[in-house]
Amino acid sequence: MTQQELETIYEALAKAIDAIEDGQRELYLAKLALALVETLDDLPRAMAVIEECRTGLVEPGAAGSKK
C-alpha cells in the first residue's frame, strides 16, 4: 500500500470517528478492528498486530495514565 493510500484511509477513518458520538467511538473501533482482522484471515499475524498496536500506549493504572 502506498503512502497516499494510507493517508486516504487515515482521513476516512478520522472523519468516520469524528461523526460518531463520544460514547460510541470505542465500539466502532472494536467493530472495525474485528472486520479488518477477519479479512486478514491469519490468527498469528492478527495476534501480533494486536500487540504491535499497544506499543507506546499507557496501561490503566500505570504512571501517567488518566482516570
Foldseek 3Di string as FASTA:
>chain_A
DDPVVVVVVVVVVVVVLVVDDPVCNVVVVVVVLVVVVVVVVDVVVSVVVVVVVCPPPDDPPDPPDDD
